[in-house]
N, C-alpha and C. Protein backbone atom coordinates (compact mmCIF):
# COMPACT_ATOMS: atom_id res chain seq x y z
N MET A 1 -113.54 6.60 42.99
CA MET A 1 -112.41 5.71 43.30
C MET A 1 -111.15 6.55 43.44
N GLU A 2 -110.43 6.42 44.56
CA GLU A 2 -109.17 7.11 44.72
C GLU A 2 -108.00 6.16 44.49
N ARG A 3 -107.96 5.05 45.20
CA ARG A 3 -106.88 4.08 45.04
C ARG A 3 -107.49 2.70 44.84
N TYR A 4 -106.80 1.88 44.05
CA TYR A 4 -107.27 0.53 43.75
C TYR A 4 -106.36 -0.46 44.47
N SER A 5 -106.95 -1.35 45.27
CA SER A 5 -106.15 -2.39 45.91
C SER A 5 -106.88 -3.71 45.87
N ILE A 6 -106.13 -4.79 45.99
CA ILE A 6 -106.70 -6.13 45.97
C ILE A 6 -107.64 -6.34 47.15
N LYS A 7 -107.50 -5.54 48.20
CA LYS A 7 -108.36 -5.69 49.38
C LYS A 7 -109.83 -5.46 49.02
N ARG A 8 -110.07 -4.54 48.07
CA ARG A 8 -111.44 -4.16 47.76
C ARG A 8 -111.91 -4.71 46.43
N ASN A 9 -111.04 -5.36 45.67
CA ASN A 9 -111.40 -5.79 44.33
C ASN A 9 -110.77 -7.15 44.04
N THR A 10 -111.55 -8.10 43.58
CA THR A 10 -111.02 -9.39 43.16
C THR A 10 -111.47 -9.68 41.75
N SER A 11 -110.61 -10.38 41.00
CA SER A 11 -110.95 -10.66 39.61
C SER A 11 -112.21 -11.50 39.52
N LYS A 12 -112.40 -12.44 40.47
CA LYS A 12 -113.60 -13.27 40.42
C LYS A 12 -114.85 -12.42 40.59
N GLU A 13 -114.82 -11.48 41.53
CA GLU A 13 -115.98 -10.62 41.73
C GLU A 13 -116.29 -9.82 40.48
N HIS A 14 -115.25 -9.30 39.82
CA HIS A 14 -115.47 -8.52 38.61
C HIS A 14 -116.01 -9.40 37.49
N GLN A 15 -115.50 -10.61 37.36
CA GLN A 15 -115.98 -11.50 36.31
C GLN A 15 -117.44 -11.86 36.51
N VAL A 16 -117.82 -12.17 37.75
CA VAL A 16 -119.20 -12.53 38.04
C VAL A 16 -120.13 -11.35 37.81
N SER A 17 -119.75 -10.17 38.34
CA SER A 17 -120.61 -9.00 38.18
C SER A 17 -120.74 -8.60 36.72
N ASN A 18 -119.67 -8.79 35.94
CA ASN A 18 -119.73 -8.44 34.53
C ASN A 18 -120.68 -9.36 33.78
N VAL A 19 -120.66 -10.65 34.09
CA VAL A 19 -121.57 -11.60 33.43
C VAL A 19 -123.02 -11.24 33.75
N VAL A 20 -123.31 -10.96 35.03
CA VAL A 20 -124.66 -10.61 35.43
C VAL A 20 -125.10 -9.32 34.74
N TYR A 21 -124.20 -8.33 34.69
CA TYR A 21 -124.55 -7.05 34.10
C TYR A 21 -124.79 -7.19 32.60
N LYS A 22 -123.92 -7.95 31.92
CA LYS A 22 -124.09 -8.13 30.48
C LYS A 22 -125.42 -8.80 30.16
N ARG A 23 -125.83 -9.76 30.99
CA ARG A 23 -127.09 -10.45 30.75
C ARG A 23 -128.28 -9.52 30.92
N SER A 24 -128.13 -8.46 31.74
CA SER A 24 -129.24 -7.56 32.01
C SER A 24 -129.26 -6.37 31.05
N CYS A 25 -128.28 -6.27 30.16
CA CYS A 25 -128.20 -5.13 29.26
C CYS A 25 -129.32 -5.16 28.23
N LYS A 26 -129.80 -4.00 27.90
CA LYS A 26 -130.82 -3.85 26.86
C LYS A 26 -130.29 -2.89 25.80
N ARG A 27 -130.86 -2.95 24.62
CA ARG A 27 -130.52 -1.98 23.59
C ARG A 27 -130.80 -0.58 24.10
N GLY A 28 -129.89 0.33 23.81
CA GLY A 28 -130.02 1.69 24.30
C GLY A 28 -129.31 1.93 25.62
N SER A 29 -128.59 0.92 26.13
CA SER A 29 -127.83 1.09 27.36
C SER A 29 -126.52 1.81 27.07
N VAL A 30 -126.09 2.65 28.00
CA VAL A 30 -124.80 3.34 27.94
C VAL A 30 -124.24 3.39 29.35
N LEU A 31 -122.93 3.14 29.50
CA LEU A 31 -122.28 3.23 30.80
C LEU A 31 -121.53 4.55 30.92
N ILE A 32 -121.76 5.28 32.02
CA ILE A 32 -120.98 6.46 32.37
C ILE A 32 -120.26 6.16 33.69
N THR A 33 -118.95 6.35 33.71
CA THR A 33 -118.15 6.15 34.92
C THR A 33 -117.59 7.48 35.38
N THR A 34 -117.79 7.83 36.64
CA THR A 34 -117.21 9.06 37.18
C THR A 34 -116.80 8.81 38.63
N GLY A 35 -116.27 9.83 39.26
CA GLY A 35 -115.83 9.71 40.64
C GLY A 35 -116.34 10.89 41.45
N HIS A 36 -115.80 11.04 42.64
CA HIS A 36 -116.20 12.13 43.53
C HIS A 36 -114.95 12.77 44.12
N GLY A 37 -115.00 14.08 44.30
CA GLY A 37 -113.89 14.76 44.94
C GLY A 37 -112.74 15.08 44.00
N LYS A 38 -111.53 15.05 44.53
CA LYS A 38 -110.34 15.51 43.82
C LYS A 38 -109.91 14.56 42.72
N PHE A 39 -110.17 13.28 42.89
CA PHE A 39 -109.66 12.27 41.96
C PHE A 39 -110.78 11.54 41.23
N PHE A 40 -110.56 11.28 39.94
CA PHE A 40 -111.34 10.26 39.23
C PHE A 40 -110.84 8.91 39.72
N SER A 41 -109.54 8.70 39.63
CA SER A 41 -108.88 7.54 40.23
C SER A 41 -107.39 7.83 40.27
N ASN A 42 -106.79 7.56 41.42
CA ASN A 42 -105.36 7.81 41.60
C ASN A 42 -104.53 6.54 41.42
N GLY A 43 -105.17 5.49 40.86
CA GLY A 43 -104.41 4.29 40.53
C GLY A 43 -104.30 3.29 41.67
N PHE A 44 -103.27 2.47 41.61
CA PHE A 44 -103.08 1.42 42.60
C PHE A 44 -102.74 1.98 43.98
N ASP A 45 -103.09 1.21 44.99
CA ASP A 45 -102.83 1.61 46.38
C ASP A 45 -101.41 1.21 46.74
N LEU A 46 -100.46 2.07 46.39
CA LEU A 46 -99.05 1.76 46.63
C LEU A 46 -98.71 1.75 48.12
N ALA A 47 -99.45 2.52 48.91
CA ALA A 47 -99.23 2.51 50.35
C ALA A 47 -99.54 1.13 50.93
N TRP A 48 -100.58 0.49 50.41
CA TRP A 48 -100.92 -0.87 50.84
C TRP A 48 -99.81 -1.84 50.47
N ALA A 49 -99.26 -1.68 49.26
CA ALA A 49 -98.15 -2.54 48.83
C ALA A 49 -96.95 -2.36 49.75
N GLN A 50 -96.61 -1.11 50.05
CA GLN A 50 -95.45 -0.83 50.89
C GLN A 50 -95.65 -1.28 52.33
N ALA A 51 -96.91 -1.35 52.77
CA ALA A 51 -97.21 -1.74 54.14
C ALA A 51 -96.97 -3.23 54.40
N SER A 52 -96.60 -3.97 53.36
CA SER A 52 -96.31 -5.40 53.53
C SER A 52 -95.08 -5.61 54.42
N GLY A 53 -94.20 -4.61 54.46
CA GLY A 53 -93.05 -4.68 55.34
C GLY A 53 -91.77 -5.19 54.72
N SER A 54 -91.81 -5.57 53.44
CA SER A 54 -90.60 -6.03 52.76
C SER A 54 -90.70 -5.72 51.28
N LEU A 55 -89.55 -5.68 50.62
CA LEU A 55 -89.54 -5.44 49.18
C LEU A 55 -90.24 -6.57 48.43
N THR A 56 -90.01 -7.79 48.89
CA THR A 56 -90.66 -8.94 48.24
C THR A 56 -92.17 -8.88 48.42
N GLY A 57 -92.59 -8.57 49.63
CA GLY A 57 -94.02 -8.46 49.90
C GLY A 57 -94.67 -7.34 49.11
N ALA A 58 -93.96 -6.20 49.01
CA ALA A 58 -94.50 -5.08 48.24
C ALA A 58 -94.64 -5.45 46.77
N ALA A 59 -93.63 -6.14 46.23
CA ALA A 59 -93.68 -6.55 44.83
C ALA A 59 -94.83 -7.53 44.60
N GLU A 60 -95.05 -8.43 45.55
CA GLU A 60 -96.14 -9.40 45.42
C GLU A 60 -97.50 -8.71 45.45
N ARG A 61 -97.65 -7.73 46.33
CA ARG A 61 -98.93 -7.01 46.41
C ARG A 61 -99.16 -6.18 45.15
N LEU A 62 -98.11 -5.57 44.65
CA LEU A 62 -98.25 -4.80 43.41
C LEU A 62 -98.65 -5.72 42.27
N HIS A 63 -98.02 -6.89 42.20
CA HIS A 63 -98.37 -7.85 41.16
C HIS A 63 -99.83 -8.29 41.29
N GLN A 64 -100.29 -8.49 42.51
CA GLN A 64 -101.68 -8.86 42.72
C GLN A 64 -102.63 -7.78 42.20
N MET A 65 -102.29 -6.51 42.43
CA MET A 65 -103.14 -5.42 41.95
C MET A 65 -103.13 -5.37 40.42
N VAL A 66 -101.96 -5.55 39.83
CA VAL A 66 -101.86 -5.55 38.36
C VAL A 66 -102.74 -6.65 37.79
N GLU A 67 -102.68 -7.85 38.39
CA GLU A 67 -103.44 -8.99 37.87
C GLU A 67 -104.93 -8.85 38.15
N SER A 68 -105.30 -8.27 39.28
CA SER A 68 -106.72 -8.15 39.61
C SER A 68 -107.39 -7.03 38.82
N PHE A 69 -106.61 -6.04 38.39
CA PHE A 69 -107.16 -4.94 37.60
C PHE A 69 -107.36 -5.34 36.14
N LYS A 70 -106.61 -6.32 35.68
CA LYS A 70 -106.67 -6.75 34.28
C LYS A 70 -108.08 -7.15 33.85
N PRO A 71 -108.81 -7.96 34.63
CA PRO A 71 -110.17 -8.30 34.20
C PRO A 71 -111.14 -7.13 34.24
N VAL A 72 -110.83 -6.10 35.03
CA VAL A 72 -111.67 -4.90 35.02
C VAL A 72 -111.56 -4.22 33.66
N VAL A 73 -110.33 -4.08 33.18
CA VAL A 73 -110.10 -3.49 31.86
C VAL A 73 -110.76 -4.35 30.78
N ALA A 74 -110.57 -5.67 30.89
CA ALA A 74 -111.17 -6.58 29.91
C ALA A 74 -112.69 -6.46 29.91
N ALA A 75 -113.28 -6.35 31.09
CA ALA A 75 -114.74 -6.25 31.18
C ALA A 75 -115.26 -5.00 30.50
N LEU A 76 -114.56 -3.90 30.65
CA LEU A 76 -115.00 -2.65 30.02
C LEU A 76 -114.90 -2.75 28.49
N LEU A 77 -113.84 -3.37 28.00
CA LEU A 77 -113.69 -3.50 26.55
C LEU A 77 -114.68 -4.51 25.97
N ASP A 78 -115.17 -5.40 26.80
CA ASP A 78 -116.11 -6.43 26.35
C ASP A 78 -117.56 -6.06 26.61
N LEU A 79 -117.79 -4.91 27.23
CA LEU A 79 -119.14 -4.52 27.62
C LEU A 79 -120.00 -4.21 26.38
N PRO A 80 -121.20 -4.76 26.28
CA PRO A 80 -122.01 -4.60 25.07
C PRO A 80 -122.80 -3.30 25.02
N MET A 81 -122.12 -2.20 25.14
CA MET A 81 -122.75 -0.88 25.08
C MET A 81 -121.65 0.18 24.99
N PRO A 82 -121.96 1.39 24.54
CA PRO A 82 -120.98 2.47 24.59
C PRO A 82 -120.62 2.82 26.03
N THR A 83 -119.40 3.26 26.24
CA THR A 83 -118.92 3.62 27.58
C THR A 83 -118.27 4.99 27.54
N ILE A 84 -118.50 5.77 28.59
CA ILE A 84 -117.98 7.14 28.68
C ILE A 84 -117.38 7.35 30.06
N ALA A 85 -116.16 7.87 30.11
CA ALA A 85 -115.54 8.24 31.38
C ALA A 85 -115.68 9.74 31.57
N ALA A 86 -116.28 10.13 32.69
CA ALA A 86 -116.45 11.54 33.03
C ALA A 86 -115.45 11.87 34.14
N LEU A 87 -114.34 12.49 33.76
CA LEU A 87 -113.25 12.71 34.73
C LEU A 87 -113.56 13.94 35.57
N ASN A 88 -113.94 13.70 36.82
CA ASN A 88 -114.22 14.77 37.76
C ASN A 88 -112.94 15.39 38.32
N GLY A 89 -111.81 14.69 38.18
CA GLY A 89 -110.54 15.16 38.73
C GLY A 89 -109.39 14.40 38.14
N HIS A 90 -108.32 14.22 38.92
CA HIS A 90 -107.11 13.60 38.42
C HIS A 90 -107.32 12.13 38.04
N ALA A 91 -106.66 11.70 36.98
CA ALA A 91 -106.61 10.29 36.59
C ALA A 91 -105.14 9.92 36.43
N ALA A 92 -104.64 9.14 37.36
CA ALA A 92 -103.21 8.84 37.41
C ALA A 92 -102.96 7.35 37.32
N ALA A 93 -101.91 6.98 36.55
CA ALA A 93 -101.44 5.59 36.46
C ALA A 93 -102.59 4.65 36.10
N ALA A 94 -102.90 3.69 36.97
CA ALA A 94 -104.00 2.77 36.67
C ALA A 94 -105.32 3.52 36.53
N GLY A 95 -105.43 4.68 37.15
CA GLY A 95 -106.63 5.50 37.00
C GLY A 95 -106.78 6.02 35.57
N LEU A 96 -105.65 6.35 34.94
CA LEU A 96 -105.70 6.76 33.53
C LEU A 96 -106.02 5.56 32.66
N MET A 97 -105.49 4.37 33.01
CA MET A 97 -105.83 3.17 32.25
C MET A 97 -107.32 2.87 32.35
N LEU A 98 -107.90 3.11 33.52
CA LEU A 98 -109.34 2.93 33.69
C LEU A 98 -110.09 3.86 32.74
N ALA A 99 -109.68 5.11 32.68
CA ALA A 99 -110.34 6.06 31.78
C ALA A 99 -110.19 5.63 30.32
N LEU A 100 -108.98 5.22 29.93
CA LEU A 100 -108.73 4.82 28.55
C LEU A 100 -109.48 3.56 28.15
N SER A 101 -109.95 2.80 29.13
CA SER A 101 -110.72 1.60 28.84
C SER A 101 -112.12 1.92 28.33
N HIS A 102 -112.51 3.19 28.39
CA HIS A 102 -113.82 3.63 27.90
C HIS A 102 -113.72 4.09 26.44
N ASP A 103 -114.87 4.15 25.80
CA ASP A 103 -114.91 4.60 24.40
C ASP A 103 -114.69 6.10 24.27
N TYR A 104 -115.21 6.85 25.22
CA TYR A 104 -115.09 8.32 25.21
C TYR A 104 -114.59 8.78 26.57
N ILE A 105 -113.83 9.89 26.56
CA ILE A 105 -113.35 10.48 27.81
C ILE A 105 -113.64 11.98 27.78
N PHE A 106 -114.36 12.45 28.79
CA PHE A 106 -114.61 13.87 28.97
C PHE A 106 -113.87 14.33 30.22
N MET A 107 -113.34 15.54 30.18
CA MET A 107 -112.46 16.03 31.25
C MET A 107 -112.80 17.48 31.57
N ARG A 108 -112.53 17.90 32.77
CA ARG A 108 -112.70 19.29 33.16
C ARG A 108 -111.58 20.15 32.58
N LYS A 109 -111.86 21.40 32.30
CA LYS A 109 -110.80 22.31 31.87
C LYS A 109 -110.20 23.09 33.03
N ASP A 110 -110.93 23.13 34.16
CA ASP A 110 -110.49 23.94 35.29
C ASP A 110 -109.71 23.14 36.32
N ARG A 111 -109.80 21.82 36.25
CA ARG A 111 -109.19 21.01 37.31
C ARG A 111 -108.98 19.58 36.81
N GLY A 112 -107.90 18.97 37.30
CA GLY A 112 -107.64 17.58 36.96
C GLY A 112 -106.53 17.44 35.93
N VAL A 113 -105.71 16.41 36.11
CA VAL A 113 -104.62 16.12 35.18
C VAL A 113 -104.61 14.62 34.88
N LEU A 114 -103.99 14.30 33.74
CA LEU A 114 -103.66 12.92 33.40
C LEU A 114 -102.18 12.74 33.69
N TYR A 115 -101.83 11.64 34.37
CA TYR A 115 -100.44 11.50 34.82
C TYR A 115 -100.07 10.03 34.92
N MET A 116 -99.08 9.63 34.15
CA MET A 116 -98.51 8.29 34.30
C MET A 116 -97.23 8.43 35.12
N SER A 117 -97.29 8.00 36.35
CA SER A 117 -96.23 8.28 37.33
C SER A 117 -95.09 7.27 37.30
N GLU A 118 -95.21 6.20 36.50
CA GLU A 118 -94.26 5.09 36.59
C GLU A 118 -92.81 5.53 36.40
N VAL A 119 -92.56 6.41 35.41
CA VAL A 119 -91.19 6.82 35.15
C VAL A 119 -90.61 7.62 36.32
N ASP A 120 -91.48 8.33 37.05
CA ASP A 120 -91.03 9.13 38.18
C ASP A 120 -90.76 8.29 39.43
N ILE A 121 -91.55 7.23 39.62
CA ILE A 121 -91.42 6.47 40.87
C ILE A 121 -90.67 5.15 40.68
N GLY A 122 -90.26 4.86 39.43
CA GLY A 122 -89.41 3.71 39.21
C GLY A 122 -90.13 2.38 39.08
N LEU A 123 -91.28 2.39 38.40
CA LEU A 123 -92.02 1.16 38.17
C LEU A 123 -92.06 0.86 36.67
N SER A 124 -91.92 -0.41 36.33
CA SER A 124 -92.05 -0.78 34.93
C SER A 124 -93.53 -0.81 34.55
N MET A 125 -93.79 -0.98 33.24
CA MET A 125 -95.14 -0.88 32.72
C MET A 125 -95.73 -2.27 32.48
N PRO A 126 -96.86 -2.61 33.09
CA PRO A 126 -97.51 -3.89 32.77
C PRO A 126 -97.80 -3.98 31.27
N ASP A 127 -97.79 -5.21 30.73
CA ASP A 127 -97.95 -5.36 29.30
C ASP A 127 -99.27 -4.80 28.79
N TYR A 128 -100.34 -4.98 29.54
CA TYR A 128 -101.62 -4.48 29.04
C TYR A 128 -101.75 -2.97 29.18
N PHE A 129 -101.01 -2.35 30.11
CA PHE A 129 -100.94 -0.89 30.17
C PHE A 129 -100.31 -0.34 28.90
N ALA A 130 -99.15 -0.92 28.53
CA ALA A 130 -98.44 -0.45 27.34
C ALA A 130 -99.29 -0.66 26.09
N ALA A 131 -99.95 -1.82 26.01
CA ALA A 131 -100.81 -2.09 24.86
C ALA A 131 -101.99 -1.13 24.82
N MET A 132 -102.52 -0.76 25.98
CA MET A 132 -103.61 0.21 26.03
C MET A 132 -103.16 1.56 25.47
N VAL A 133 -101.99 2.01 25.87
CA VAL A 133 -101.48 3.28 25.38
C VAL A 133 -101.25 3.23 23.87
N ARG A 134 -100.65 2.14 23.38
CA ARG A 134 -100.43 2.01 21.94
C ARG A 134 -101.75 1.96 21.17
N SER A 135 -102.78 1.37 21.78
CA SER A 135 -104.06 1.21 21.11
C SER A 135 -104.90 2.48 21.13
N LYS A 136 -104.83 3.25 22.22
CA LYS A 136 -105.76 4.34 22.42
C LYS A 136 -105.17 5.73 22.20
N ILE A 137 -103.84 5.83 22.19
CA ILE A 137 -103.21 7.14 21.98
C ILE A 137 -102.46 7.09 20.66
N GLY A 138 -102.86 7.95 19.73
CA GLY A 138 -102.56 7.72 18.33
C GLY A 138 -101.15 7.99 17.83
N THR A 139 -100.42 8.95 18.41
CA THR A 139 -99.13 9.31 17.84
C THR A 139 -97.99 8.95 18.79
N SER A 140 -96.82 8.73 18.22
CA SER A 140 -95.66 8.41 19.05
C SER A 140 -95.28 9.59 19.94
N ALA A 141 -95.49 10.80 19.43
CA ALA A 141 -95.18 11.98 20.24
C ALA A 141 -96.09 12.06 21.46
N ALA A 142 -97.38 11.77 21.27
CA ALA A 142 -98.32 11.81 22.38
C ALA A 142 -98.00 10.70 23.38
N ARG A 143 -97.66 9.52 22.89
CA ARG A 143 -97.32 8.42 23.79
C ARG A 143 -96.06 8.74 24.58
N ARG A 144 -95.09 9.41 23.94
CA ARG A 144 -93.87 9.82 24.65
C ARG A 144 -94.21 10.81 25.76
N GLU A 145 -95.11 11.76 25.48
CA GLU A 145 -95.49 12.74 26.49
C GLU A 145 -96.15 12.05 27.69
N VAL A 146 -96.97 11.05 27.41
CA VAL A 146 -97.69 10.37 28.49
C VAL A 146 -96.77 9.49 29.31
N LEU A 147 -95.93 8.69 28.66
CA LEU A 147 -95.18 7.65 29.37
C LEU A 147 -93.75 8.02 29.75
N LEU A 148 -93.10 8.87 28.97
CA LEU A 148 -91.67 9.09 29.16
C LEU A 148 -91.31 10.48 29.67
N SER A 149 -92.29 11.31 29.96
CA SER A 149 -91.98 12.67 30.41
C SER A 149 -92.34 12.91 31.87
N GLY A 150 -93.18 12.05 32.45
CA GLY A 150 -93.66 12.32 33.81
C GLY A 150 -94.50 13.57 33.88
N LYS A 151 -95.05 13.98 32.75
CA LYS A 151 -95.79 15.24 32.67
C LYS A 151 -97.22 15.07 33.17
N LYS A 152 -97.72 16.08 33.85
CA LYS A 152 -99.12 16.13 34.27
C LYS A 152 -99.89 16.93 33.22
N ILE A 153 -100.71 16.23 32.48
CA ILE A 153 -101.35 16.79 31.29
C ILE A 153 -102.74 17.31 31.63
N ARG A 154 -102.96 18.59 31.40
CA ARG A 154 -104.25 19.20 31.69
C ARG A 154 -105.20 19.02 30.51
N GLY A 155 -106.44 19.41 30.71
CA GLY A 155 -107.51 19.10 29.78
C GLY A 155 -107.29 19.53 28.35
N GLU A 156 -106.98 20.80 28.13
CA GLU A 156 -106.85 21.30 26.76
C GLU A 156 -105.72 20.61 26.02
N GLU A 157 -104.60 20.34 26.71
CA GLU A 157 -103.50 19.64 26.08
C GLU A 157 -103.88 18.19 25.79
N ALA A 158 -104.65 17.58 26.70
CA ALA A 158 -105.09 16.20 26.49
C ALA A 158 -105.96 16.09 25.24
N VAL A 159 -106.78 17.09 24.99
CA VAL A 159 -107.59 17.11 23.76
C VAL A 159 -106.68 17.25 22.55
N ALA A 160 -105.72 18.17 22.62
CA ALA A 160 -104.80 18.41 21.50
C ALA A 160 -103.98 17.16 21.19
N LEU A 161 -103.64 16.37 22.21
CA LEU A 161 -102.87 15.15 22.01
C LEU A 161 -103.74 13.97 21.57
N GLY A 162 -105.05 14.18 21.53
CA GLY A 162 -105.95 13.13 21.10
C GLY A 162 -106.23 12.08 22.16
N ILE A 163 -106.01 12.42 23.44
CA ILE A 163 -106.23 11.46 24.52
C ILE A 163 -107.67 11.51 25.01
N VAL A 164 -108.23 12.70 25.13
CA VAL A 164 -109.62 12.85 25.56
C VAL A 164 -110.42 13.54 24.47
N ASP A 165 -111.73 13.39 24.57
CA ASP A 165 -112.61 13.91 23.52
C ASP A 165 -113.06 15.34 23.78
N SER A 166 -113.14 15.73 25.04
CA SER A 166 -113.64 17.06 25.37
C SER A 166 -113.08 17.49 26.71
N ALA A 167 -112.74 18.78 26.83
CA ALA A 167 -112.29 19.35 28.10
C ALA A 167 -112.79 20.78 28.22
N ALA A 168 -114.06 20.95 27.91
CA ALA A 168 -114.65 22.29 27.87
C ALA A 168 -115.60 22.52 29.03
N HIS A 169 -115.31 21.92 30.18
CA HIS A 169 -116.28 21.90 31.27
C HIS A 169 -115.64 22.47 32.54
N ASP A 170 -116.40 23.33 33.23
CA ASP A 170 -115.86 24.10 34.36
C ASP A 170 -116.11 23.46 35.72
N SER A 171 -116.73 22.30 35.76
CA SER A 171 -117.03 21.66 37.03
C SER A 171 -117.27 20.18 36.81
N ALA A 172 -117.26 19.43 37.91
CA ALA A 172 -117.57 18.00 37.82
C ALA A 172 -118.99 17.80 37.30
N GLU A 173 -119.90 18.68 37.75
CA GLU A 173 -121.29 18.58 37.29
C GLU A 173 -121.39 18.83 35.79
N GLY A 174 -120.58 19.80 35.30
CA GLY A 174 -120.58 20.10 33.88
C GLY A 174 -120.09 18.94 33.04
N VAL A 175 -119.08 18.22 33.55
CA VAL A 175 -118.58 17.04 32.84
C VAL A 175 -119.66 15.97 32.76
N VAL A 176 -120.31 15.73 33.88
CA VAL A 176 -121.36 14.71 33.90
C VAL A 176 -122.51 15.09 32.98
N GLU A 177 -122.91 16.36 33.01
CA GLU A 177 -124.00 16.80 32.13
C GLU A 177 -123.65 16.58 30.67
N ALA A 178 -122.40 16.88 30.30
CA ALA A 178 -121.97 16.69 28.91
C ALA A 178 -121.96 15.22 28.54
N THR A 179 -121.52 14.37 29.46
CA THR A 179 -121.50 12.93 29.15
C THR A 179 -122.92 12.37 29.07
N VAL A 180 -123.82 12.86 29.91
CA VAL A 180 -125.21 12.39 29.84
C VAL A 180 -125.83 12.80 28.50
N SER A 181 -125.50 14.01 28.04
CA SER A 181 -126.01 14.45 26.73
C SER A 181 -125.53 13.53 25.61
N LEU A 182 -124.24 13.19 25.63
CA LEU A 182 -123.71 12.26 24.63
C LEU A 182 -124.36 10.89 24.80
N ALA A 183 -124.50 10.44 26.04
CA ALA A 183 -125.08 9.12 26.29
C ALA A 183 -126.50 9.03 25.74
N GLU A 184 -127.27 10.09 25.88
CA GLU A 184 -128.64 10.07 25.36
C GLU A 184 -128.65 9.93 23.84
N LYS A 185 -127.71 10.59 23.18
CA LYS A 185 -127.63 10.47 21.72
C LYS A 185 -127.23 9.06 21.31
N LEU A 186 -126.27 8.48 22.04
CA LEU A 186 -125.84 7.12 21.72
C LEU A 186 -126.93 6.11 22.03
N ALA A 187 -127.63 6.31 23.14
CA ALA A 187 -128.69 5.38 23.53
C ALA A 187 -129.82 5.36 22.51
N ALA A 188 -130.07 6.51 21.89
CA ALA A 188 -131.15 6.60 20.91
C ALA A 188 -130.89 5.73 19.69
N LYS A 189 -129.64 5.35 19.48
CA LYS A 189 -129.30 4.50 18.34
C LYS A 189 -129.81 3.07 18.52
N LYS A 190 -129.93 2.64 19.78
CA LYS A 190 -130.41 1.29 20.12
C LYS A 190 -129.67 0.21 19.33
N TRP A 191 -128.36 0.33 19.32
CA TRP A 191 -127.53 -0.65 18.63
C TRP A 191 -127.59 -2.01 19.30
N ASN A 192 -127.29 -3.04 18.55
CA ASN A 192 -127.09 -4.38 19.11
C ASN A 192 -125.79 -4.35 19.92
N GLY A 193 -125.90 -4.58 21.22
CA GLY A 193 -124.74 -4.45 22.09
C GLY A 193 -123.64 -5.45 21.80
N ASP A 194 -124.00 -6.67 21.45
CA ASP A 194 -122.99 -7.68 21.16
C ASP A 194 -122.19 -7.31 19.91
N VAL A 195 -122.88 -6.76 18.92
CA VAL A 195 -122.19 -6.31 17.71
C VAL A 195 -121.28 -5.13 18.03
N TYR A 196 -121.78 -4.20 18.84
CA TYR A 196 -120.97 -3.04 19.24
C TYR A 196 -119.69 -3.50 19.93
N ALA A 197 -119.81 -4.43 20.88
CA ALA A 197 -118.63 -4.92 21.61
C ALA A 197 -117.67 -5.64 20.68
N SER A 198 -118.20 -6.39 19.72
CA SER A 198 -117.33 -7.11 18.78
C SER A 198 -116.54 -6.15 17.90
N ILE A 199 -117.21 -5.10 17.43
CA ILE A 199 -116.51 -4.10 16.61
C ILE A 199 -115.44 -3.39 17.44
N ARG A 200 -115.79 -3.05 18.68
CA ARG A 200 -114.80 -2.40 19.55
C ARG A 200 -113.56 -3.26 19.70
N LYS A 201 -113.76 -4.53 19.99
CA LYS A 201 -112.62 -5.43 20.20
C LYS A 201 -111.78 -5.59 18.93
N SER A 202 -112.44 -5.52 17.77
CA SER A 202 -111.69 -5.66 16.51
C SER A 202 -110.78 -4.46 16.26
N LEU A 203 -111.06 -3.34 16.92
CA LEU A 203 -110.22 -2.15 16.76
C LEU A 203 -108.88 -2.26 17.47
N TYR A 204 -108.83 -3.10 18.51
CA TYR A 204 -107.64 -3.16 19.37
C TYR A 204 -107.15 -4.60 19.49
N PRO A 205 -106.71 -5.21 18.40
CA PRO A 205 -106.36 -6.64 18.42
C PRO A 205 -105.23 -6.98 19.38
N GLU A 206 -104.18 -6.14 19.44
CA GLU A 206 -103.06 -6.44 20.34
C GLU A 206 -103.51 -6.42 21.79
N LEU A 207 -104.22 -5.38 22.17
CA LEU A 207 -104.69 -5.24 23.55
C LEU A 207 -105.64 -6.39 23.91
N CYS A 208 -106.58 -6.68 23.02
CA CYS A 208 -107.55 -7.73 23.31
C CYS A 208 -106.90 -9.10 23.37
N ASP A 209 -105.85 -9.31 22.59
CA ASP A 209 -105.13 -10.58 22.65
C ASP A 209 -104.48 -10.75 24.03
N ILE A 210 -103.87 -9.70 24.55
CA ILE A 210 -103.25 -9.76 25.88
C ILE A 210 -104.30 -9.99 26.96
N LEU A 211 -105.49 -9.41 26.76
CA LEU A 211 -106.56 -9.54 27.75
C LEU A 211 -107.38 -10.82 27.58
N GLY A 212 -107.09 -11.57 26.52
CA GLY A 212 -107.81 -12.81 26.29
C GLY A 212 -109.20 -12.62 25.74
N LEU A 213 -109.42 -11.52 25.01
CA LEU A 213 -110.73 -11.22 24.42
C LEU A 213 -110.72 -11.54 22.93
N LYS A 214 -111.82 -12.07 22.45
CA LYS A 214 -111.96 -12.38 21.04
C LYS A 214 -113.17 -11.66 20.47
N ALA A 215 -113.02 -11.11 19.27
CA ALA A 215 -114.13 -10.49 18.58
C ALA A 215 -114.98 -11.58 17.93
N THR A 216 -116.29 -11.54 18.18
CA THR A 216 -117.21 -12.52 17.61
C THR A 216 -117.78 -11.97 16.31
N ILE A 217 -117.89 -12.84 15.31
CA ILE A 217 -118.45 -12.43 14.04
C ILE A 217 -119.95 -12.59 14.07
N PHE A 218 -120.66 -11.50 13.75
CA PHE A 218 -122.12 -11.53 13.69
C PHE A 218 -122.57 -11.27 12.26
N ALA A 219 -123.63 -11.95 11.85
CA ALA A 219 -124.20 -11.74 10.53
C ALA A 219 -125.69 -11.53 10.64
N THR A 220 -126.05 -10.45 11.31
CA THR A 220 -127.46 -10.12 11.50
C THR A 220 -127.71 -8.69 11.05
N PRO A 221 -127.61 -8.43 9.73
CA PRO A 221 -127.76 -7.07 9.23
C PRO A 221 -129.16 -6.53 9.50
N LYS A 222 -129.21 -5.23 9.77
CA LYS A 222 -130.49 -4.56 10.00
C LYS A 222 -131.12 -4.26 8.65
N LEU A 223 -132.27 -4.82 8.39
CA LEU A 223 -132.93 -4.66 7.10
C LEU A 223 -133.89 -3.47 7.15
């Protein structure tokens, strides 16, 4: 994925596909998300927004993308299995939010940056973006670096800031191999996916409240 636009993604499509996918999940399932080429995801398609021909039209298109991307984030947080983002390249703006929506993030050390461009290009932060950063990035100093500096953060620094889990990989293939290795270990646990998703949601109450997600209480202990 390079750019995200409402032309190629609708909230209804994501909701339907998520329901179908969740119903087909089995114990031992793990999701790995990656991309191809230079970008993992470069965020919203701002060129499409600007092509509306007016400031009002551009704002409306941007709002549509913000709203249509929200259920994608919600679906990932509600998915009944572990999730891993394998960053083959740059993750910018909504692309970084996509990565943060996963349980684990692996990144290349030779290529790719994390970049929240909003402060540089003059865009405010959607509420669920800000809640995602507060929920997933642990320190105020790290959050300041991500949101208020316009800094392009490379792999080793992203690990030091606690944003990604690993950046010890020299190629896109190396990132994927490392994530597959982790996925195999997680899959071997054969956890109850609904319980896993409920625990995940309980970790991020503010974010899940904004996304309209509720943690379900389960009482099915493994004997």
